[in-house]
Protein backbone atom coordinates (compact mmCIF):
# COMPACT_ATOMS: atom_id res chain seq x y z
CA MET A 1 10.28 5.56 -34.59
CA LYS A 2 12.23 2.43 -35.45
CA PRO A 3 10.01 -0.64 -35.86
CA PHE A 4 11.32 -4.11 -35.02
CA GLY A 5 9.32 -5.83 -37.76
CA TRP A 6 6.03 -4.96 -39.39
CA LEU A 7 2.46 -5.95 -39.03
CA SER A 8 0.43 -6.31 -42.20
CA PRO A 9 -0.78 -3.85 -43.34
CA PRO A 10 2.38 -1.83 -42.71
CA GLN A 11 0.69 1.21 -41.17
CA ILE A 12 0.79 -0.46 -37.74
CA LYS A 13 4.28 -1.08 -36.39
CA PRO A 14 4.92 -3.45 -33.48
CA THR A 15 7.10 -0.90 -31.70
CA GLU A 16 4.48 1.80 -31.95
CA LEU A 17 1.80 -0.64 -30.87
CA ILE A 18 3.61 -1.86 -27.74
CA VAL A 19 4.56 1.72 -26.79
CA ASN A 20 0.93 2.79 -26.86
CA ILE A 21 -0.26 -0.33 -25.05
CA CYS A 22 2.22 0.32 -22.25
CA LEU A 23 1.11 3.95 -22.04
CA TRP A 24 -2.55 2.94 -21.81
CA LEU A 25 -1.74 0.45 -19.06
CA ALA A 26 0.33 3.05 -17.19
CA ALA A 27 -2.51 5.57 -17.51
CA GLY A 28 -4.87 2.95 -16.09
CA MET A 29 -2.68 2.58 -13.00
CA VAL A 30 -2.72 6.36 -12.51
CA LEU A 31 -6.51 6.30 -12.85
CA GLY A 32 -6.70 3.57 -10.21
CA ILE A 33 -4.61 5.66 -7.81
CA GLY A 34 -6.82 8.69 -8.44
CA VAL A 35 -9.98 6.69 -7.79
CA ALA A 36 -8.51 5.27 -4.58
CA TRP A 37 -7.54 8.79 -3.47
CA LEU A 38 -11.09 10.03 -4.01
CA ALA A 39 -12.56 7.05 -2.18
CA LEU A 40 -10.28 7.52 0.84
CA ARG A 41 -10.18 11.32 0.99
CA LEU A 42 -13.74 12.47 0.34
CA PRO A 43 -15.76 12.05 3.57
CA VAL A 44 -19.05 11.34 1.79
CA VAL A 45 -17.51 8.63 -0.35
CA ARG A 46 -15.42 7.21 2.49
CA GLU A 47 -18.37 6.78 4.87
CA TRP A 48 -20.38 4.90 2.26
CA PHE A 49 -17.55 3.06 0.66
CA ILE A 50 -15.21 1.55 3.22
CA PRO A 51 -17.49 -0.93 5.11
CA GLY A 52 -16.63 -4.60 4.65
CA PRO A 53 -19.58 -5.67 2.45
CA VAL A 54 -18.43 -3.27 -0.25
CA ILE A 55 -15.26 -5.35 -0.66
CA VAL A 56 -17.37 -8.38 -1.55
CA ILE A 57 -19.50 -6.31 -3.94
CA LEU A 58 -16.40 -4.98 -5.71
CA MET A 59 -14.83 -8.43 -5.97
CA VAL A 60 -18.06 -9.76 -7.48
CA ALA A 61 -18.18 -6.77 -9.84
CA LEU A 62 -14.61 -7.44 -10.97
CA PHE A 63 -15.37 -11.14 -11.41
CA VAL A 64 -18.50 -10.42 -13.48
CA SER A 65 -16.64 -7.80 -15.53
CA GLY A 66 -13.88 -10.31 -16.21
CA LEU A 67 -16.45 -12.94 -17.18
CA ILE A 68 -18.15 -10.56 -19.62
CA LEU A 69 -14.75 -9.62 -21.00
CA HIS A 70 -13.90 -13.30 -21.43
CA CYS A 71 -17.13 -14.03 -23.31
CA LEU A 72 -17.57 -10.88 -25.41
CA PHE A 73 -14.08 -9.45 -25.98
CA ALA A 74 -14.05 -10.31 -29.69
CA ARG A 75 -17.26 -8.31 -30.23
CA PHE A 76 -16.10 -5.14 -28.48
CA SER A 77 -15.89 -2.02 -30.62
CA THR A 78 -13.17 0.50 -29.74
CA PRO A 79 -15.47 2.75 -27.62
CA VAL A 80 -16.75 -0.28 -25.70
CA ALA A 81 -13.18 -1.57 -25.25
CA LEU A 82 -12.11 1.84 -23.91
CA PHE A 83 -15.08 1.91 -21.52
CA TRP A 84 -14.24 -1.60 -20.27
CA LEU A 85 -10.57 -0.71 -19.85
CA ILE A 86 -11.55 2.30 -17.72
CA LEU A 87 -14.06 0.19 -15.78
CA MET A 88 -11.49 -2.47 -14.88
CA ASN A 89 -9.05 0.16 -13.60
CA VAL A 90 -11.75 2.01 -11.64
CA LEU A 91 -12.95 -1.20 -9.97
CA THR A 92 -9.35 -2.15 -9.16
CA GLY A 93 -8.70 1.27 -7.61
CA LEU A 94 -11.87 1.04 -5.51
CA LEU A 95 -11.03 -2.49 -4.36
CA PHE A 96 -7.51 -1.45 -3.38
CA ALA A 97 -8.97 1.51 -1.48
CA CYS A 98 -11.11 -0.90 0.56
CA ILE A 99 -8.27 -3.27 1.37
CA PHE A 100 -5.13 -1.11 1.61
CA SER A 101 -4.16 2.35 2.77
CA LEU A 102 -3.70 5.12 0.23
CA ALA A 103 0.07 4.78 0.55
CA GLY A 104 -0.08 1.04 -0.08
CA THR A 105 -2.39 1.49 -3.05
CA ALA A 106 -0.22 4.22 -4.55
CA LEU A 107 2.87 2.07 -4.02
CA ALA A 108 1.54 -1.08 -5.73
CA LEU A 109 -0.22 0.66 -8.62
CA GLY A 110 2.47 3.34 -8.94
CA VAL A 111 5.33 0.86 -9.28
CA THR A 112 3.35 -1.14 -11.85
CA GLY A 113 2.47 2.01 -13.79
CA ALA A 114 6.08 3.17 -13.70
CA MET A 115 7.16 -0.22 -15.07
CA PHE A 116 4.87 0.27 -18.07
CA ALA A 117 5.90 3.90 -18.58
CA ILE A 118 9.62 3.09 -18.55
CA SER A 119 9.02 0.10 -20.83
CA ALA A 120 7.24 2.40 -23.30
CA VAL A 121 10.23 4.75 -23.35
CA VAL A 122 12.64 1.84 -23.81
CA ALA A 123 10.59 0.41 -26.70
CA HIS A 124 10.37 3.82 -28.36
CA TYR A 125 14.11 4.45 -28.37
CA ALA A 126 15.45 0.90 -28.65
CA GLY A 127 13.28 -0.19 -31.58
CA SER A 128 14.78 -3.09 -33.51
CA ASN A 129 17.54 -3.59 -30.92
CA ILE A 130 15.13 -5.46 -28.66
CA SER A 131 13.51 -8.77 -29.54
CA GLY A 132 10.10 -9.81 -28.27
CA GLY A 133 11.45 -12.10 -25.55
CA GLY A 134 14.20 -9.69 -24.61
CA TYR A 135 11.74 -6.84 -24.27
CA SER A 136 9.44 -8.86 -22.01
CA LEU A 137 12.38 -9.84 -19.82
CA LEU A 138 13.51 -6.23 -19.67
CA MET A 139 10.01 -5.12 -18.61
CA LEU A 140 10.07 -7.60 -15.73
CA LEU A 141 13.56 -6.52 -14.70
CA VAL A 142 12.44 -2.88 -14.70
CA GLY A 143 9.44 -3.73 -12.53
CA LEU A 144 11.46 -5.82 -10.08
CA SER A 145 14.18 -3.17 -9.87
CA LEU A 146 11.62 -0.46 -9.16
CA THR A 147 10.04 -2.67 -6.50
CA ALA A 148 13.38 -3.15 -4.77
CA LEU A 149 14.46 0.50 -5.01
CA VAL A 150 11.17 1.96 -3.79
CA ASN A 151 10.63 -0.49 -0.94
CA LEU A 152 14.23 -0.28 0.25
CA GLY A 153 14.13 3.50 0.03
CA LEU A 154 10.90 3.72 2.03
CA HIS A 155 11.93 0.94 4.47
CA ASN A 156 8.70 -0.91 3.82
CA GLY A 157 7.66 -4.13 5.48
CA PRO A 158 6.91 -7.56 3.99
CA LEU A 159 3.30 -6.72 3.04
CA GLU A 160 4.36 -3.81 0.84
CA TRP A 161 7.04 -5.95 -0.79
CA ILE A 162 4.57 -8.75 -1.48
CA GLY A 163 1.94 -6.35 -2.86
CA CYS A 164 4.38 -4.76 -5.30
CA LEU A 165 5.89 -8.08 -6.37
CA VAL A 166 2.49 -9.64 -7.02
CA MET A 167 1.33 -6.69 -9.14
CA VAL A 168 4.58 -6.46 -11.11
CA LEU A 169 4.80 -10.20 -11.77
CA LEU A 170 1.11 -10.54 -12.55
CA PHE A 171 0.98 -7.68 -15.04
CA GLY A 172 4.49 -8.23 -16.41
CA LEU A 173 4.00 -11.93 -17.13
CA THR A 174 0.47 -11.39 -18.46
CA THR A 175 1.68 -8.67 -20.82
CA ALA A 176 4.53 -10.89 -22.00
CA GLY A 177 2.14 -13.75 -22.65
CA SER A 178 -0.24 -11.48 -24.56
CA ARG A 179 2.22 -10.01 -27.05
CA SER A 180 1.87 -12.42 -29.95
CA ARG A 181 -1.92 -12.50 -29.70
CA ILE A 182 -2.02 -8.68 -29.46
CA GLN A 183 -0.14 -8.32 -32.74
CA ILE A 184 -2.40 -10.83 -34.49
CA SER A 185 -5.50 -9.08 -33.15
CA ALA A 186 -4.16 -5.70 -34.25
CA ARG A 187 -3.61 -7.00 -37.77
CA GLU A 188 -7.11 -8.49 -37.88
CA LEU A 189 -8.70 -5.34 -36.46
CA TYR A 190 -6.89 -3.11 -38.93
CA MET A 191 -7.81 -5.24 -41.93
CA LYS A 192 -11.45 -5.43 -40.80
CA GLU A 193 -12.04 -1.81 -39.77
CA PHE A 194 -9.03 0.09 -41.19
CA THR A 195 -8.59 1.53 -37.71
CA THR A 196 -5.83 3.54 -35.99
CA VAL A 197 -2.92 2.34 -33.91
CA GLN A 198 -4.58 3.86 -30.83
CA ALA A 199 -7.67 1.71 -31.35
CA CYS A 200 -5.43 -1.36 -31.65
CA ALA A 201 -3.53 -0.28 -28.52
CA ILE A 202 -6.77 0.06 -26.53
CA HIS A 203 -7.79 -3.45 -27.55
CA GLY A 204 -4.26 -4.66 -26.76
CA ALA A 205 -4.32 -3.14 -23.26
CA LEU A 206 -7.74 -4.67 -22.66
CA ARG A 207 -6.41 -8.05 -23.82
CA VAL A 208 -3.89 -7.90 -20.98
CA TRP A 209 -6.84 -7.58 -18.60
CA LEU A 210 -8.58 -10.41 -20.48
CA ASN A 211 -5.59 -12.69 -19.92
CA MET A 212 -5.56 -11.68 -16.26
CA ALA A 213 -9.23 -12.66 -16.01
CA ASN A 214 -8.47 -15.97 -17.72
CA LEU A 215 -5.63 -16.57 -15.26
CA VAL A 216 -7.95 -15.93 -12.31
CA PHE A 217 -10.54 -18.31 -13.73
CA GLU A 218 -7.88 -21.00 -14.19
CA LEU A 219 -6.66 -20.52 -10.62
CA LEU A 220 -10.23 -20.79 -9.32
CA ARG A 221 -10.74 -23.97 -11.33
CA LEU A 222 -7.48 -25.38 -9.97
CA ALA A 223 -8.52 -24.48 -6.42
CA THR A 224 -11.89 -26.19 -6.97
CA TRP A 225 -10.15 -29.30 -8.28
CA VAL A 226 -7.80 -29.40 -5.27
CA ILE A 227 -10.70 -28.98 -2.82
CA ASP A 228 -12.68 -31.74 -4.53
CA ALA A 229 -9.63 -34.02 -4.48
CA ILE A 230 -9.14 -33.42 -0.75
CA ARG A 231 -12.81 -34.06 0.02
CA SER A 232 -12.85 -37.30 -1.98
CA ARG A 233 -10.14 -38.85 0.18
């Protein structure tokens, strides 16, 4: 594998790290689709799971999980980070199952997962030919191209287009914004625990979710500020 630069110590290469992070994120999307399929297909689960109040419970669970992630991420060991990564994907799959059909869930999560999988292949074979900014742009272009091809091919309506675009842009931009911090964290984790690239990749994938949680909190704070400004008039 051709690295485009080295982390210190040199056992962890940025190319290898980003490849594994993308694969973990893609696997998480597949897990979310599988969870949604179980929730919508198994009669016992479906009867208990689909009523409206469950949507609120899942949204609160995701919010609390994101808050815990925001506060305690730096203290997470690799097993805890892996558990939290799985938890975030499971909760997302369950929430999507409550809100969308199985086809809509598979479309949004599948396109996002395919974006990460293709990006992992590109990073593996391109190596030093792709810079950090160029790679992030390429990831977004892959996601947007997949969104257009799949939705045009399936003749989907505006809701499917919006769902795919939101997921691709949200995860693509969050991943791009996380890259420099992921590499610094990987270096720190390796020097502290002499860990493997997979452990660093798990923490890196979870950091993408952390940045998504931070983004949601910032949007909520902005919404609160706007509401307060309107009320004060």
